[in-house]
Amino acid sequence: MLELRNPHSIRAVLESRPRAVRQLQLQSEQPPEPWNEVLQQARKCGVPVVFGGAAQEQRRGRRQTERTGAGSALVEPPSPIPLELLFSTAGEAAGLWIALDRVQDPQNLGAIFRLAGFFGVRGILMTKDQSASVNGTVCDVSAGGAESVSFSVVPNLAQALVRAQEAGIWVLGTCERAESSIYDVARDRNWMLVVGNEGQGLRRLTRERCDQLVSIAPSGPVCSLNVATAAAACLAVLRRPQLQ
């Protein structure tokens, strides 16, 4: 069971999986927005709501904020889907997927889920070992992205990338040493953007499974981006309109 504190994340669960919300805990029966919207949605869904003492006791000694300190919810975590379902829309119009090669920071993982929800990514592929799990921090940071974007967890990323290619998805690896630029990538096809571990980047076998390796050349004195920021930059480029 996860304890979520972001009202936007809680509302996303209420909209997509209302039975997964076991209890809503609020400081007041008249909470500020957007918590009031969460309260109304919870009541419509028949979710038990606890006011005052129970929620207050859990937060004793913590700083209260209007956005995240007014309440929380106990929620069942989202579940991964089989790999074949993750790729089931590859035969439709060109789309985007993301693969994560051992991303370990829950904040980064949550940010990537949020990016995926914003840019319309069709699915996220994650590694089982040496990776962050989809926990409460991830769901809160994702602000609903963890509810709107499907994900699969696999023991062998290289094999899963082969499965993606067999489904008609081109695999695009990010590597700061790559000679090709993200700006030169054709955007009229399915792409799976592969981003690597916070410290080591993509593993050798992962790089070898990619159809293309690309980099983002810096324009200023800072020569690198963290994984979530790099993913944001790449997705923005891949989603930019095609020139006619």
Protein backbone atom coordinates (compact mmCIF):
# COMPACT_ATOMS: atom_id res chain seq x y z
CA MET A 1 0.00 0.00 0.00
CA LEU A 2 1.26 3.47 -0.93
CA GLU A 3 0.64 6.74 0.92
CA LEU A 4 0.21 9.54 -1.61
CA ARG A 5 0.40 13.22 -0.61
CA ASN A 6 0.03 15.00 -3.94
CA PRO A 7 -3.66 15.83 -4.52
CA HIS A 8 -3.22 15.68 -8.29
CA SER A 9 -1.82 12.16 -8.04
CA ILE A 10 -4.64 11.07 -5.74
CA ARG A 11 -7.28 12.50 -8.04
CA ALA A 12 -5.72 10.65 -10.99
CA VAL A 13 -6.09 7.38 -9.10
CA LEU A 14 -9.70 8.21 -8.21
CA GLU A 15 -10.43 8.80 -11.88
CA SER A 16 -8.67 5.72 -13.25
CA ARG A 17 -8.76 3.17 -10.37
CA PRO A 18 -11.22 4.38 -7.72
CA ARG A 19 -11.30 1.00 -5.95
CA ALA A 20 -7.54 1.25 -5.42
CA VAL A 21 -8.03 4.19 -3.02
CA ARG A 22 -8.59 2.60 0.38
CA GLN A 23 -8.82 5.75 2.49
CA LEU A 24 -8.54 9.52 2.19
CA GLN A 25 -7.16 11.43 5.19
CA LEU A 26 -7.74 15.18 5.47
CA GLN A 27 -6.90 17.82 8.05
CA SER A 28 -10.22 19.63 7.63
CA GLU A 29 -13.73 18.99 6.39
CA GLN A 30 -13.32 22.15 4.32
CA PRO A 31 -9.89 21.68 2.74
CA PRO A 32 -8.34 24.16 0.30
CA GLU A 33 -8.24 23.55 -3.42
CA PRO A 34 -7.28 21.25 -5.00
CA TRP A 35 -7.93 19.02 -1.98
CA ASN A 36 -11.61 19.91 -1.98
CA GLU A 37 -11.89 18.47 -5.51
CA VAL A 38 -10.23 15.29 -4.23
CA LEU A 39 -12.72 15.13 -1.35
CA GLN A 40 -15.72 15.49 -3.63
CA GLN A 41 -14.40 12.84 -6.02
CA ALA A 42 -13.68 10.47 -3.12
CA ARG A 43 -17.21 10.84 -1.80
CA LYS A 44 -18.64 10.08 -5.26
CA CYS A 45 -16.52 6.92 -5.37
CA GLY A 46 -17.49 5.81 -1.87
CA VAL A 47 -13.96 6.09 -0.49
CA PRO A 48 -13.76 6.25 3.35
CA VAL A 49 -12.64 9.71 4.53
CA VAL A 50 -10.99 10.46 7.89
CA PHE A 51 -10.82 14.03 9.13
CA GLY A 52 -8.68 15.80 11.70
CA GLY A 53 -7.11 13.65 14.38
CA ALA A 54 -6.04 10.61 12.38
CA ALA A 55 -4.49 12.68 9.61
CA GLN A 56 -3.10 15.21 12.06
CA GLU A 57 -1.42 12.57 14.20
CA GLN A 58 0.39 11.16 11.17
CA ARG A 59 1.82 14.59 10.35
CA ARG A 60 2.75 15.80 13.81
CA GLY A 61 5.97 17.75 13.63
CA ARG A 62 5.83 18.13 9.83
CA ARG A 63 5.47 21.47 8.12
CA GLN A 64 2.00 21.93 6.67
CA THR A 65 1.55 23.32 3.17
CA GLU A 66 -1.62 23.99 1.27
CA ARG A 67 -0.55 21.80 -1.64
CA THR A 68 0.72 18.62 0.01
CA GLY A 69 0.20 19.02 3.76
CA ALA A 70 -3.59 19.04 3.88
CA GLY A 71 -4.05 15.32 3.40
CA SER A 72 -2.99 11.97 2.04
CA ALA A 73 -4.47 8.76 0.72
CA LEU A 74 -3.75 5.07 1.08
CA VAL A 75 -3.60 3.63 -2.41
CA GLU A 76 -2.83 0.29 -4.02
CA PRO A 77 0.19 0.68 -6.34
CA PRO A 78 -0.27 0.59 -10.12
CA SER A 79 0.56 -2.73 -11.75
CA PRO A 80 2.86 -3.38 -14.71
CA ILE A 81 1.41 -4.87 -17.89
CA PRO A 82 2.80 -7.66 -20.11
CA LEU A 83 5.34 -6.61 -22.71
CA GLU A 84 3.12 -7.56 -25.65
CA LEU A 85 0.44 -5.16 -24.40
CA LEU A 86 2.99 -2.36 -24.05
CA PHE A 87 3.74 -2.65 -27.77
CA SER A 88 0.18 -3.37 -28.90
CA THR A 89 -0.33 0.07 -30.51
CA ALA A 90 2.91 -0.02 -32.55
CA GLY A 91 0.93 -0.71 -35.73
CA GLU A 92 -1.00 2.56 -35.40
CA ALA A 93 0.26 6.08 -36.15
CA ALA A 94 3.88 6.75 -35.21
CA GLY A 95 4.32 6.90 -31.44
CA LEU A 96 6.86 7.15 -28.65
CA TRP A 97 7.92 4.78 -25.90
CA ILE A 98 10.61 5.14 -23.22
CA ALA A 99 13.00 2.49 -21.92
CA LEU A 100 14.94 3.03 -18.69
CA ASP A 101 18.27 1.27 -18.22
CA ARG A 102 18.48 1.01 -14.41
CA VAL A 103 17.18 4.44 -13.40
CA GLN A 104 17.47 4.34 -9.61
CA ASP A 105 16.30 7.69 -8.24
CA PRO A 106 12.54 7.71 -7.49
CA GLN A 107 12.45 11.47 -8.12
CA ASN A 108 13.86 10.94 -11.62
CA LEU A 109 11.49 8.05 -12.28
CA GLY A 110 8.50 10.10 -11.15
CA ALA A 111 9.59 13.02 -13.33
CA ILE A 112 9.90 10.70 -16.34
CA PHE A 113 6.38 9.35 -15.76
CA ARG A 114 5.13 12.94 -15.63
CA LEU A 115 6.96 13.76 -18.86
CA ALA A 116 5.53 10.63 -20.47
CA GLY A 117 2.01 11.70 -19.55
CA PHE A 118 2.63 15.22 -20.86
CA PHE A 119 4.14 14.17 -24.19
CA GLY A 120 1.73 11.30 -24.89
CA VAL A 121 4.27 8.49 -24.51
CA ARG A 122 2.54 5.14 -25.05
CA GLY A 123 4.48 3.12 -22.52
CA ILE A 124 7.55 2.87 -20.29
CA LEU A 125 9.88 -0.12 -20.18
CA MET A 126 11.74 -0.63 -16.90
CA THR A 127 14.36 -3.06 -15.65
CA LYS A 128 13.57 -5.30 -12.70
CA ASP A 129 16.96 -5.16 -10.95
CA GLN A 130 18.96 -2.13 -9.77
CA SER A 131 16.04 0.18 -10.58
CA ALA A 132 13.61 2.31 -8.64
CA SER A 133 10.18 0.79 -8.18
CA VAL A 134 6.91 2.62 -8.75
CA ASN A 135 6.46 3.67 -5.12
CA GLY A 136 4.67 6.54 -3.38
CA THR A 137 7.38 9.07 -4.19
CA VAL A 138 7.27 8.14 -7.87
CA CYS A 139 3.48 8.42 -8.00
CA ASP A 140 3.46 11.77 -6.19
CA VAL A 141 6.17 13.29 -8.37
CA SER A 142 4.48 11.99 -11.52
CA ALA A 143 1.37 14.10 -10.74
CA GLY A 144 -0.87 11.51 -12.40
CA GLY A 145 1.60 10.25 -14.99
CA ALA A 146 1.94 6.90 -13.24
CA GLU A 147 -1.81 6.40 -13.75
CA SER A 148 -2.00 7.49 -17.38
CA VAL A 149 1.10 5.78 -18.79
CA SER A 150 1.37 1.98 -18.89
CA PHE A 151 4.65 0.33 -17.92
CA SER A 152 6.32 -3.07 -18.07
CA VAL A 153 9.09 -4.42 -15.85
CA VAL A 154 11.52 -6.88 -17.46
CA PRO A 155 14.50 -8.90 -16.19
CA ASN A 156 16.49 -8.42 -19.42
CA LEU A 157 16.33 -5.04 -21.13
CA ALA A 158 18.35 -6.06 -24.19
CA GLN A 159 15.92 -8.88 -24.99
CA ALA A 160 12.95 -6.57 -24.45
CA LEU A 161 14.43 -4.08 -26.93
CA VAL A 162 14.60 -6.87 -29.51
CA ARG A 163 10.92 -7.54 -28.85
CA ALA A 164 10.21 -3.86 -29.43
CA GLN A 165 12.03 -3.95 -32.74
CA GLU A 166 10.08 -7.04 -33.79
CA ALA A 167 6.89 -5.09 -33.02
CA GLY A 168 7.96 -2.31 -35.41
CA ILE A 169 9.54 0.12 -32.95
CA TRP A 170 12.93 1.68 -33.66
CA VAL A 171 15.23 1.90 -30.64
CA LEU A 172 16.92 5.26 -30.06
CA GLY A 173 19.66 5.30 -27.43
CA THR A 174 20.95 8.45 -25.73
CA CYS A 175 24.70 8.73 -25.27
CA GLU A 176 26.72 11.91 -24.74
CA ARG A 177 29.53 10.46 -26.89
CA ALA A 178 27.27 9.73 -29.89
CA GLU A 179 28.13 11.63 -33.05
CA SER A 180 24.54 11.85 -34.32
CA SER A 181 22.26 14.59 -32.98
CA ILE A 182 18.73 14.12 -31.65
CA TYR A 183 17.71 16.95 -34.00
CA ASP A 184 18.49 14.78 -37.07
CA VAL A 185 16.24 11.87 -36.10
CA ALA A 186 13.38 11.05 -38.48
CA ARG A 187 10.09 11.55 -36.67
CA ASP A 188 7.75 9.66 -38.99
CA ARG A 189 8.23 6.30 -37.27
CA ASN A 190 7.79 4.56 -33.93
CA TRP A 191 10.65 5.32 -31.53
CA MET A 192 11.61 3.92 -28.18
CA LEU A 193 13.83 6.45 -26.41
CA VAL A 194 16.34 4.68 -24.17
CA VAL A 195 17.87 6.62 -21.27
CA GLY A 196 20.44 5.27 -18.86
CA ASN A 197 21.47 5.08 -15.26
CA GLU A 198 22.16 8.37 -13.44
CA GLY A 199 25.88 7.63 -13.10
CA GLN A 200 26.86 5.17 -15.83
CA GLY A 201 24.42 5.87 -18.64
CA LEU A 202 23.53 3.02 -20.98
CA ARG A 203 25.18 -0.34 -20.53
CA ARG A 204 27.25 -1.71 -23.43
CA LEU A 205 24.73 -4.41 -24.38
CA THR A 206 21.92 -1.86 -24.30
CA ARG A 207 23.86 0.42 -26.64
CA GLU A 208 24.50 -2.46 -29.02
CA ARG A 209 20.77 -3.22 -29.25
CA CYS A 210 19.90 0.35 -30.29
CA ASP A 211 19.17 1.15 -33.94
CA GLN A 212 20.69 4.59 -33.46
CA LEU A 213 22.62 6.46 -30.78
CA VAL A 214 22.15 10.21 -30.40
CA SER A 215 23.35 13.04 -28.20
CA ILE A 216 22.29 16.58 -27.32
CA ALA A 217 25.10 19.06 -27.92
CA PRO A 218 25.32 21.72 -25.18
CA SER A 219 25.10 25.37 -26.14
CA GLY A 220 26.44 26.69 -22.84
CA PRO A 221 29.13 25.93 -20.26
CA VAL A 222 27.18 23.10 -18.57
CA CYS A 223 28.06 19.95 -20.49
CA SER A 224 25.54 17.42 -19.17
CA LEU A 225 21.93 16.90 -18.05
CA ASN A 226 20.45 14.55 -15.51
CA VAL A 227 18.38 11.67 -16.83
CA ALA A 228 14.95 13.25 -16.37
CA THR A 229 16.01 16.57 -17.90
CA ALA A 230 17.68 14.79 -20.82
CA ALA A 231 14.51 12.77 -21.39
CA ALA A 232 12.48 16.01 -21.42
CA ALA A 233 14.78 17.60 -24.01
CA CYS A 234 14.68 14.52 -26.25
CA LEU A 235 10.91 14.13 -26.04
CA ALA A 236 10.42 17.80 -26.88
CA VAL A 237 12.55 17.37 -30.01
CA LEU A 238 10.87 14.14 -31.07
CA ARG A 239 7.43 15.71 -30.59
CA ARG A 240 8.15 18.93 -32.50
CA PRO A 241 6.11 19.36 -35.70
CA GLN A 242 7.47 17.97 -38.96
CA LEU A 243 8.50 20.60 -41.51
CA GLN A 244 6.63 20.21 -44.78
